[in-house]
């Protein structure tokens, strides 16, 4: 007897259809899974056998062969448990095969038959919808996520519930509309906590309003990290299409927070400086998204930039330009989206005293040169805003609380709205100033384009009708690498 159910295998962020075929024959009892299944998928044999018996269903005492087709596509993970179990039950006529054929299924089985959530359900639901299937059987915890794809999800808490549903003995419980429930949003630290540092605060506002890359440099303990971690609090919420993109990536990575099926706020990723190249840009045997992709439509924060491995930093150059990361393997090429803001902090020298009037730098010329060589000119050229943050004075620290994140976010949201309204033209004076800057400053073609973008953002924040010379001048003041003393 032969039966079939449908599931999906993840290749990067894409879901590829997999037909799970179960064949029963009268022979010495055995259970085999074929079709290029990895170890986690092969271990489904024990979970499926135990889950079926725990659900008070009959385990076929026959030779069972399960084929995962197409055979050349590698299958990874435990999400094949439920479709394998249902295919075996359909082959043994414990569930109607014709009803099962109209559904896709995904989920991990516990030994007691309970269904556990798995990553990538949103991508699997999108694959099922593209394939013309009616419904997706999945764990109850993943049902709201699946419905984001526009397919009807059938929430299942136990294998016995799935069987009862397919037999027509019970209707599936309703799925709540995809939302984030009553749980509060992530609380971001407030910009009002920052005393002084007006120039750095302005750079932070420009970065938020124009999605610009920002580098903050200066002595330790002056608030660089404190400033950078307040950037998410002044970013606007993600629009629906971007929220779905970010949710898909986090779902595949298995990083969706329980009870929050939709990511609505820009992600903020802050990997440690010991992170490998694969951890930063993605990769591995079955390539998974890295920190750069997890920061898609959000912020990738690199604290102590010069402490990161140079090859990891150089690997970010392509996504900073293209907004995507291409990972090539023998079996093909996988592309992960990675359109993020790069925000970084660093000291001006290895000992950290450089730029601090209250300390004396002890770095030798050779040590300082080696420190500078960690950051290539090409990487520095990809920062739109470069700011040296000074040590705050005593009277700055005694000031009253500054402007709140809510107030700054209001201006940022207004600037985003003006940007969507249409292009903003440069005045003649602004164009002339930009041309003179290219001639007199070490400004590359990429640098000129980035200065023009920052000037446009400054004009949008000011509510101006055009980009003026004063906006270009402000953009140029944040641009020169000589301000950091690195070049």
Protein backbone atom coordinates (compact mmCIF):
# COMPACT_ATOMS: atom_id res chain seq x y z
CA UNK A 1 0.00 0.00 0.00
CA UNK A 2 1.25 3.47 -0.93
CA UNK A 3 0.27 6.93 0.33
CA UNK A 4 1.69 10.39 -0.06
CA UNK A 5 1.72 13.69 1.79
CA UNK A 6 3.38 17.00 1.03
CA UNK A 7 5.86 19.04 3.00
CA UNK A 8 8.66 21.48 2.20
CA UNK A 9 12.43 21.58 2.62
CA UNK A 10 14.21 24.88 3.20
CA UNK A 11 16.96 25.95 0.81
CA UNK A 12 18.12 29.23 2.24
CA UNK A 13 14.89 31.18 2.65
CA UNK A 14 13.06 29.31 -0.10
CA UNK A 15 10.73 26.37 0.48
CA UNK A 16 11.04 23.49 -2.00
CA UNK A 17 8.22 20.98 -2.28
CA UNK A 18 8.95 17.50 -0.96
CA UNK A 19 6.64 14.54 -1.57
CA UNK A 20 6.71 12.15 1.40
CA UNK A 21 5.84 8.69 0.06
CA UNK A 22 5.16 5.82 2.45
CA UNK A 23 5.06 2.24 1.14
CA UNK A 24 3.97 -0.77 3.21
CA UNK A 25 4.66 -4.33 2.12
CA UNK A 26 4.31 -7.77 3.65
CA UNK A 27 7.85 -8.64 4.65
CA UNK A 28 10.10 -8.75 7.68
CA UNK A 29 9.14 -5.65 9.73
CA UNK A 30 11.56 -2.79 9.18
CA UNK A 31 11.51 0.99 8.82
CA UNK A 32 13.73 2.88 6.37
CA UNK A 33 13.85 6.53 5.27
CA UNK A 34 15.50 7.28 1.93
CA UNK A 35 15.90 10.46 -0.07
CA UNK A 36 19.05 12.24 1.21
CA UNK A 37 17.80 12.80 4.75
CA UNK A 38 20.21 14.19 7.35
CA UNK A 39 20.73 12.67 10.80
CA UNK A 40 17.91 14.67 12.46
CA UNK A 41 15.57 13.52 9.72
CA UNK A 42 16.72 9.89 10.04
CA UNK A 43 16.05 10.04 13.77
CA UNK A 44 12.39 10.68 12.89
CA UNK A 45 12.02 6.88 12.74
CA UNK A 46 12.07 6.65 16.54
CA UNK A 47 9.97 9.76 17.14
CA UNK A 48 7.33 8.72 14.60
CA UNK A 49 7.07 5.13 15.88
CA UNK A 50 6.70 6.30 19.49
CA UNK A 51 4.34 9.15 18.56
CA UNK A 52 1.96 6.87 16.63
CA UNK A 53 1.74 4.31 19.43
CA UNK A 54 1.35 7.05 22.07
CA UNK A 55 -1.62 8.42 20.10
CA UNK A 56 -3.37 5.03 20.49
CA UNK A 57 -2.96 4.31 16.77
CA UNK A 58 -1.76 1.09 15.17
CA UNK A 59 1.87 0.78 14.16
CA UNK A 60 1.99 -1.26 10.91
CA UNK A 61 3.90 -4.50 11.51
CA UNK A 62 5.28 -4.54 7.96
CA UNK A 63 8.24 -3.34 6.01
CA UNK A 64 7.88 0.45 5.85
CA UNK A 65 9.80 2.49 3.32
CA UNK A 66 9.51 6.29 3.36
CA UNK A 67 10.87 8.17 0.36
CA UNK A 68 11.49 11.92 0.45
CA UNK A 69 11.36 13.13 -3.13
CA UNK A 70 13.13 14.66 -4.98
CA UNK A 71 16.02 12.48 -3.90
CA UNK A 72 18.75 14.94 -4.93
CA UNK A 73 17.49 17.67 -2.56
CA UNK A 74 19.01 17.44 0.92
CA UNK A 75 16.42 17.30 3.72
CA UNK A 76 17.40 18.69 7.10
CA UNK A 77 15.73 19.04 10.48
CA UNK A 78 12.87 17.54 12.44
CA UNK A 79 10.02 19.24 10.55
CA UNK A 80 9.49 16.07 8.49
CA UNK A 81 8.19 14.10 11.50
CA UNK A 82 4.51 14.99 11.10
CA UNK A 83 4.30 14.42 7.31
CA UNK A 84 6.13 11.08 7.68
CA UNK A 85 3.73 9.95 10.41
CA UNK A 86 0.67 11.02 8.40
CA UNK A 87 1.94 9.30 5.25
CA UNK A 88 2.40 6.03 7.18
CA UNK A 89 -1.06 6.35 8.71
CA UNK A 90 -2.56 7.04 5.27
CA UNK A 91 -0.76 4.04 3.77
CA UNK A 92 -2.21 1.86 6.51
CA UNK A 93 -5.64 3.45 5.86
CA UNK A 94 -5.94 4.93 9.34
CA UNK A 95 -6.52 8.35 7.75
CA UNK A 96 -8.11 8.97 4.33
CA UNK A 97 -5.32 9.47 1.73
CA UNK A 98 -7.51 11.61 -0.56
CA UNK A 99 -8.17 14.14 2.24
CA UNK A 100 -4.52 14.22 3.25
CA UNK A 101 -3.50 14.99 -0.36
CA UNK A 102 -5.11 18.42 -0.13
CA UNK A 103 -2.92 19.44 2.82
CA UNK A 104 0.71 20.21 3.46
CA UNK A 105 2.21 19.35 6.85
CA UNK A 106 5.20 20.39 8.93
CA UNK A 107 6.15 19.77 12.55
CA UNK A 108 8.27 17.83 15.00
CA UNK A 109 6.80 14.98 17.02
CA UNK A 110 7.53 14.28 20.66
CA UNK A 111 7.72 10.74 21.90
CA UNK A 112 4.28 11.21 23.45
CA UNK A 113 2.79 12.34 20.11
CA UNK A 114 2.73 16.04 20.91
CA UNK A 115 3.66 18.48 18.18
CA UNK A 116 6.52 20.90 18.69
CA UNK A 117 7.14 24.09 16.69
CA UNK A 118 9.91 24.21 14.09
CA UNK A 119 11.62 27.01 12.24
CA UNK A 120 10.71 28.14 8.75
CA UNK A 121 6.94 27.60 9.00
CA UNK A 122 6.24 30.91 7.24
CA UNK A 123 8.39 29.88 4.26
CA UNK A 124 6.73 26.44 4.20
CA UNK A 125 3.28 28.05 4.26
CA UNK A 126 4.25 30.32 1.37
CA UNK A 127 5.45 27.26 -0.57
CA UNK A 128 2.17 25.45 0.11
CA UNK A 129 0.15 28.45 -1.05
CA UNK A 130 2.19 28.72 -4.26
CA UNK A 131 1.59 25.00 -4.85
CA UNK A 132 -2.18 25.48 -4.73
CA UNK A 133 -2.74 23.57 -1.49
CA UNK A 134 -5.70 24.42 0.71
CA UNK A 135 -4.32 24.10 4.23
CA UNK A 136 -1.20 23.54 6.29
CA UNK A 137 -1.12 21.19 9.28
CA UNK A 138 1.31 22.56 11.86
CA UNK A 139 1.79 22.95 15.60
CA UNK A 140 -0.60 25.31 17.37
CA UNK A 141 2.31 27.59 18.30
CA UNK A 142 3.15 28.15 14.61
CA UNK A 143 -0.40 28.57 13.27
CA UNK A 144 -0.51 32.38 13.49
CA UNK A 145 2.87 32.55 11.73
CA UNK A 146 1.61 30.28 8.93
CA UNK A 147 -1.47 32.45 8.39
CA UNK A 148 0.80 35.39 7.56
CA UNK A 149 1.37 33.62 4.22
CA UNK A 150 -2.32 33.78 3.33
CA UNK A 151 -2.99 30.07 3.73
CA UNK A 152 -5.40 28.44 6.18
CA UNK A 153 -3.48 26.88 9.04
CA UNK A 154 -4.75 23.83 10.93
CA UNK A 155 -3.36 24.12 14.47
CA UNK A 156 -2.53 20.74 15.97
CA UNK A 157 -1.29 20.03 19.49
CA UNK A 158 -1.09 16.24 19.23
CA UNK A 159 -0.87 13.65 16.46
CA UNK A 160 -4.23 12.26 17.62
CA UNK A 161 -5.82 15.67 16.89
CA UNK A 162 -4.41 15.66 13.36
CA UNK A 163 -5.81 12.19 12.73
CA UNK A 164 -9.23 13.11 14.14
CA UNK A 165 -9.31 16.20 11.91
CA UNK A 166 -8.36 14.26 8.77
CA UNK A 167 -11.02 11.65 9.57
CA UNK A 168 -13.59 14.42 9.81
CA UNK A 169 -14.27 13.70 13.49
CA UNK A 170 -13.44 17.23 14.66
CA UNK A 171 -13.04 20.71 13.26
CA UNK A 172 -9.78 22.54 13.81
CA UNK A 173 -9.85 25.29 16.42
CA UNK A 174 -9.84 28.83 14.99
CA UNK A 175 -6.54 30.62 14.58
CA UNK A 176 -6.31 34.11 15.98
CA UNK A 177 -5.50 36.84 13.47
CA UNK A 178 -1.70 37.18 13.12
CA UNK A 179 -0.72 39.73 15.73
CA UNK A 180 1.63 40.14 18.62
CA UNK A 181 -1.08 39.77 21.22
CA UNK A 182 -0.98 41.74 24.42
CA UNK A 183 2.72 41.37 25.05
CA UNK A 184 4.53 44.72 25.27
CA UNK A 185 6.96 45.72 22.59
CA UNK A 186 10.68 45.52 23.27
CA UNK A 187 11.58 48.41 25.55
CA UNK A 188 14.44 50.42 24.05
CA UNK A 189 16.68 52.64 26.20
CA UNK A 190 15.78 56.31 25.93
CA UNK A 191 17.95 58.92 24.25
CA UNK A 192 17.11 61.27 27.13
CA UNK A 193 19.66 59.33 29.22
CA UNK A 194 22.49 60.79 27.12
CA UNK A 195 23.93 64.01 28.55
CA UNK A 196 25.64 66.36 26.14
CA UNK A 197 27.17 64.82 22.97
CA UNK A 198 25.02 67.03 20.73
CA UNK A 199 27.04 66.25 17.60
CA UNK A 200 26.80 62.50 18.15
CA UNK A 201 23.07 62.78 18.87
CA UNK A 202 22.61 64.68 15.61
CA UNK A 203 24.54 61.98 13.73
CA UNK A 204 22.28 59.36 15.32
CA UNK A 205 19.17 61.23 14.16
CA UNK A 206 20.53 61.54 10.62
CA UNK A 207 21.38 57.82 10.61
CA UNK A 208 17.84 56.91 11.70
CA UNK A 209 16.14 59.23 9.21
CA UNK A 210 18.19 58.13 6.20
CA UNK A 211 19.29 54.57 7.09
CA UNK A 212 22.91 55.72 7.01
CA UNK A 213 25.95 53.79 8.22
CA UNK A 214 27.51 55.38 11.31
CA UNK A 215 30.92 55.06 12.96
CA UNK A 216 31.44 56.51 16.45
CA UNK A 217 35.05 56.75 17.61
CA UNK A 218 36.68 58.05 20.77
CA UNK A 219 38.18 57.10 24.15
CA UNK A 220 36.57 54.38 26.31
CA UNK A 221 33.75 55.25 28.68
CA UNK A 222 32.41 58.33 26.88
CA UNK A 223 29.07 56.87 25.79
CA UNK A 224 29.67 55.50 22.27
CA UNK A 225 27.94 52.18 22.96
CA UNK A 226 25.27 53.94 25.02
CA UNK A 227 24.45 56.14 22.03
CA UNK A 228 24.43 53.29 19.50
CA UNK A 229 22.08 51.15 21.60
CA UNK A 230 19.54 53.98 21.59
CA UNK A 231 19.24 54.00 17.82
CA UNK A 232 16.40 51.38 17.72
CA UNK A 233 14.31 53.64 19.94
CA UNK A 234 14.18 56.37 17.31
CA UNK A 235 13.57 54.13 14.29
CA UNK A 236 10.03 53.94 12.85
CA UNK A 237 8.14 50.65 12.82
CA UNK A 238 8.57 48.36 9.85
CA UNK A 239 6.00 48.70 7.05
CA UNK A 240 3.99 45.49 6.40
CA UNK A 241 6.07 44.23 3.45
CA UNK A 242 9.37 44.72 5.28
CA UNK A 243 7.95 43.18 8.47
CA UNK A 244 7.09 40.04 6.51
CA UNK A 245 10.60 39.84 5.03
CA UNK A 246 12.21 40.16 8.45
CA UNK A 247 9.80 37.62 9.94
CA UNK A 248 10.65 35.10 7.22
CA UNK A 249 14.38 35.37 7.98
CA UNK A 250 13.93 35.09 11.74
CA UNK A 251 11.54 32.15 11.27
CA UNK A 252 14.07 30.21 9.19
CA UNK A 253 16.71 30.94 11.83
CA UNK A 254 14.32 29.72 14.55
CA UNK A 255 14.50 33.05 16.35
CA UNK A 256 10.89 34.21 16.45
CA UNK A 257 9.88 35.11 19.99
CA UNK A 258 7.03 32.96 21.43
CA UNK A 259 3.70 34.71 21.07
CA UNK A 260 5.08 37.24 18.58
CA UNK A 261 4.60 35.77 15.09
CA UNK A 262 5.26 39.05 13.28
CA UNK A 263 8.41 41.17 13.69
CA UNK A 264 7.20 44.78 13.62
CA UNK A 265 10.21 46.68 14.97
CA UNK A 266 13.58 46.94 13.17
CA UNK A 267 15.93 44.20 14.42
CA UNK A 268 19.06 45.18 16.32
CA UNK A 269 21.87 42.63 16.12
CA UNK A 270 25.07 43.02 18.14
CA UNK A 271 27.46 40.08 17.58
CA UNK A 272 30.57 39.68 19.72
CA UNK A 273 33.89 40.62 18.14
CA UNK A 274 34.98 36.95 18.20
CA UNK A 275 32.20 36.00 15.74
CA UNK A 276 33.37 34.06 12.68
CA UNK A 277 32.83 35.04 9.07
CA UNK A 278 30.02 32.45 8.74
CA UNK A 279 28.35 33.78 11.88
CA UNK A 280 28.42 37.33 10.48
CA UNK A 281 27.41 36.76 6.84
CA UNK A 282 25.82 33.29 7.03
CA UNK A 283 26.87 29.89 5.80
CA UNK A 284 27.51 26.44 7.20
CA UNK A 285 26.86 22.98 5.70
CA UNK A 286 23.18 23.80 5.17
CA UNK A 287 23.58 27.57 4.78
CA UNK A 288 21.72 29.60 7.39
CA UNK A 289 21.32 33.38 7.64
CA UNK A 290 24.03 35.16 9.62
CA UNK A 291 23.92 38.32 11.71
CA UNK A 292 23.94 40.55 8.62
CA UNK A 293 20.74 38.92 7.33
CA UNK A 294 19.15 38.83 10.77
CA UNK A 295 19.69 42.62 10.80
CA UNK A 296 17.81 43.02 7.48
CA UNK A 297 15.82 46.30 7.54
CA UNK A 298 17.41 46.98 10.93
CA UNK A 299 20.75 47.66 12.57
CA UNK A 300 23.95 45.61 12.67
CA UNK A 301 25.94 46.97 15.61
CA UNK A 302 29.65 46.15 15.82
CA UNK A 303 31.05 47.29 19.15
CA UNK A 304 34.85 47.71 19.13
CA UNK A 305 35.03 47.48 15.35
CA UNK A 306 38.79 47.09 15.15
CA UNK A 307 38.67 43.96 17.34
CA UNK A 308 36.70 42.02 14.71
CA UNK A 309 38.64 39.77 12.35
CA UNK A 310 39.53 41.67 9.21
CA UNK A 311 38.14 38.98 6.90
CA UNK A 312 34.80 39.17 8.72
CA UNK A 313 34.69 42.95 8.23
CA UNK A 314 35.70 42.74 4.59
CA UNK A 315 32.93 40.19 3.99
CA UNK A 316 30.44 42.96 4.83
CA UNK A 317 31.51 45.14 1.91
CA UNK A 318 29.35 43.31 -0.65
CA UNK A 319 26.08 43.38 1.37
CA UNK A 320 26.66 47.04 2.27
CA UNK A 321 26.55 47.81 -1.46
CA UNK A 322 24.13 45.17 -2.79
CA UNK A 323 21.79 44.61 0.14
CA UNK A 324 22.21 40.83 -0.21
CA UNK A 325 24.69 38.06 0.57
CA UNK A 326 25.42 35.39 -2.00
CA UNK A 327 26.74 32.07 -0.66
CA UNK A 328 28.07 29.70 -3.31
CA UNK A 329 28.18 25.94 -2.77
CA UNK A 330 28.86 23.01 -5.08
CA UNK A 331 25.14 22.28 -5.18
CA UNK A 332 24.13 25.82 -6.06
CA UNK A 333 23.96 29.39 -4.87
CA UNK A 334 21.88 30.80 -2.02
CA UNK A 335 21.07 34.49 -1.63
CA UNK A 336 20.13 35.97 1.74
CA UNK A 337 18.76 39.53 1.92
CA UNK A 338 20.95 41.83 4.04
CA UNK A 339 19.90 45.47 3.69
CA UNK A 340 20.99 46.78 7.08
CA UNK A 341 22.43 49.86 8.72
CA UNK A 342 25.98 49.32 9.92
CA UNK A 343 26.62 51.12 13.21
CA UNK A 344 30.03 50.68 14.81
CA UNK A 345 32.12 52.03 17.67
CA UNK A 346 35.87 51.97 18.18
CA UNK A 347 38.76 53.49 20.09
CA UNK A 348 41.21 55.71 18.25
CA UNK A 349 44.18 53.55 19.29
CA UNK A 350 44.79 50.15 20.94
CA UNK A 351 45.28 51.57 24.44
CA UNK A 352 42.25 53.85 24.08
CA UNK A 353 43.94 57.01 25.35
CA UNK A 354 44.28 58.73 22.01
CA UNK A 355 41.90 61.68 21.72
CA UNK A 356 41.48 61.88 25.50
CA UNK A 357 42.98 65.10 26.95
CA UNK A 358 43.05 63.49 30.40
CA UNK A 359 45.27 60.56 29.33
CA UNK A 360 48.47 59.96 27.38
CA UNK A 361 48.65 57.43 24.57
CA UNK A 362 51.28 54.74 25.11
CA UNK A 363 50.99 53.07 21.69
CA UNK A 364 54.11 52.71 19.58
CA UNK A 365 54.10 53.75 15.95
CA UNK A 366 54.20 50.09 14.87
CA UNK A 367 51.30 49.15 17.14
CA UNK A 368 49.26 52.11 15.93
CA UNK A 369 49.97 51.23 12.28
CA UNK A 370 48.85 47.63 12.86
CA UNK A 371 45.66 48.92 14.49
CA UNK A 372 44.95 51.17 11.51
CA UNK A 373 45.51 48.30 9.08
CA UNK A 374 42.62 46.35 10.61
CA UNK A 375 40.23 48.73 8.84
CA UNK A 376 40.61 49.05 5.08
CA UNK A 377 39.98 52.31 3.31
CA UNK A 378 37.27 50.56 1.29
CA UNK A 379 35.38 49.67 4.48
CA UNK A 380 35.72 53.16 5.98
CA UNK A 381 34.46 54.60 2.69
CA UNK A 382 31.17 52.78 3.23
CA UNK A 383 30.37 54.75 6.38
CA UNK A 384 28.16 57.76 5.66
CA UNK A 385 28.74 59.40 9.04
CA UNK A 386 32.05 59.39 10.93
CA UNK A 387 32.03 61.05 14.33
CA UNK A 388 34.74 61.54 16.93
CA UNK A 389 32.98 61.54 20.29
CA UNK A 390 34.80 63.69 22.90
CA UNK A 391 34.92 63.05 26.61
CA UNK A 392 31.96 64.94 28.15
CA UNK A 393 32.68 67.81 30.51
CA UNK A 394 31.42 67.86 34.08
CA UNK A 395 28.79 70.47 33.33
CA UNK A 396 27.46 68.34 30.46
CA UNK A 397 26.95 65.39 32.82
CA UNK A 398 25.07 67.59 35.27
CA UNK A 399 22.58 68.80 32.69
CA UNK A 400 18.92 67.91 32.86
CA UNK A 401 17.67 65.02 30.75
CA UNK A 402 17.90 65.69 27.04
CA UNK A 403 15.33 65.24 24.30
CA UNK A 404 13.48 61.93 24.51
CA UNK A 405 13.56 59.17 21.92
CA UNK A 406 9.84 59.71 21.25
CA UNK A 407 10.42 63.33 20.23
CA UNK A 408 13.32 62.42 17.93
CA UNK A 409 11.38 59.50 16.45
CA UNK A 410 8.59 61.90 15.54
CA UNK A 411 10.98 63.92 13.38
CA UNK A 412 12.45 60.74 11.90
CA UNK A 413 9.00 59.43 10.94
CA UNK A 414 8.11 62.79 9.39
CA UNK A 415 11.33 62.68 7.34
CA UNK A 416 10.50 59.15 6.14
CA UNK A 417 7.05 60.35 5.08
CA UNK A 418 8.56 63.28 3.13
CA UNK A 419 11.02 60.90 1.45
CA UNK A 420 8.15 58.72 0.22
CA UNK A 421 6.36 61.80 -1.16
CA UNK A 422 8.89 62.27 -3.95
CA UNK A 423 12.44 63.32 -4.88
CA UNK A 424 14.14 66.36 -3.38
CA UNK A 425 16.25 68.43 -5.78
CA UNK A 426 19.57 70.12 -4.97
CA UNK A 427 20.02 73.85 -5.30
CA UNK A 428 22.72 75.23 -7.58
CA UNK A 429 24.78 76.36 -4.58
CA UNK A 430 24.56 72.87 -3.03
CA UNK A 431 25.75 71.22 -6.27
CA UNK A 432 28.67 73.65 -6.56
CA UNK A 433 29.73 73.01 -2.97
CA UNK A 434 29.60 69.26 -3.53
CA UNK A 435 31.73 69.58 -6.68
CA UNK A 436 34.35 71.66 -4.83
CA UNK A 437 34.44 69.07 -2.06
CA UNK A 438 35.25 66.30 -4.54
CA UNK A 439 38.21 68.33 -5.81
CA UNK A 440 39.61 69.45 -2.44
CA UNK A 441 38.84 66.53 -0.15
CA UNK A 442 39.84 62.87 -0.46
CA UNK A 443 36.29 62.08 -1.59
CA UNK A 444 35.70 59.07 -3.85
CA UNK A 445 32.76 58.64 -6.19
CA UNK A 446 31.10 56.47 -3.57
CA UNK A 447 31.87 59.11 -0.95
CA UNK A 448 30.27 61.82 -3.07
CA UNK A 449 27.10 59.78 -3.44
CA UNK A 450 26.95 59.15 0.30
CA UNK A 451 27.45 62.83 1.11
CA UNK A 452 24.58 63.65 -1.26
CA UNK A 453 22.35 61.12 0.52
CA UNK A 454 23.15 62.52 3.97
CA UNK A 455 22.53 66.07 2.71
CA UNK A 456 19.13 64.99 1.41
CA UNK A 457 18.33 63.45 4.81
CA UNK A 458 19.31 66.70 6.56
CA UNK A 459 16.97 68.62 4.24
CA UNK A 460 14.13 66.17 4.91
CA UNK A 461 14.59 66.53 8.67
CA UNK A 462 14.51 70.30 8.29
CA UNK A 463 11.34 70.17 6.17
CA UNK A 464 13.11 72.04 3.36
CA UNK A 465 11.81 72.19 -0.21
CA UNK A 466 15.25 71.48 -1.67
CA UNK A 467 18.73 70.39 -0.61
CA UNK A 468 20.65 73.55 0.18
CA UNK A 469 24.32 74.34 0.61
CA UNK A 470 23.93 74.25 4.40
CA UNK A 471 22.72 70.66 4.20
CA UNK A 472 25.70 69.64 2.04
CA UNK A 473 28.05 71.42 4.44
CA UNK A 474 26.63 69.46 7.38
CA UNK A 475 26.97 66.19 5.48
CA UNK A 476 30.59 66.98 4.63
CA UNK A 477 31.36 67.71 8.29
CA UNK A 478 30.52 64.08 9.11
CA UNK A 479 32.44 62.56 6.24
CA UNK A 480 36.22 63.03 6.37
CA UNK A 481 38.16 59.99 7.71
CA UNK A 482 40.94 62.39 8.80
CA UNK A 483 38.64 63.35 11.68
CA UNK A 484 39.30 59.94 13.18
CA UNK A 485 43.03 60.16 12.61
CA UNK A 486 42.96 56.75 10.93
CA UNK A 487 44.09 57.88 7.49
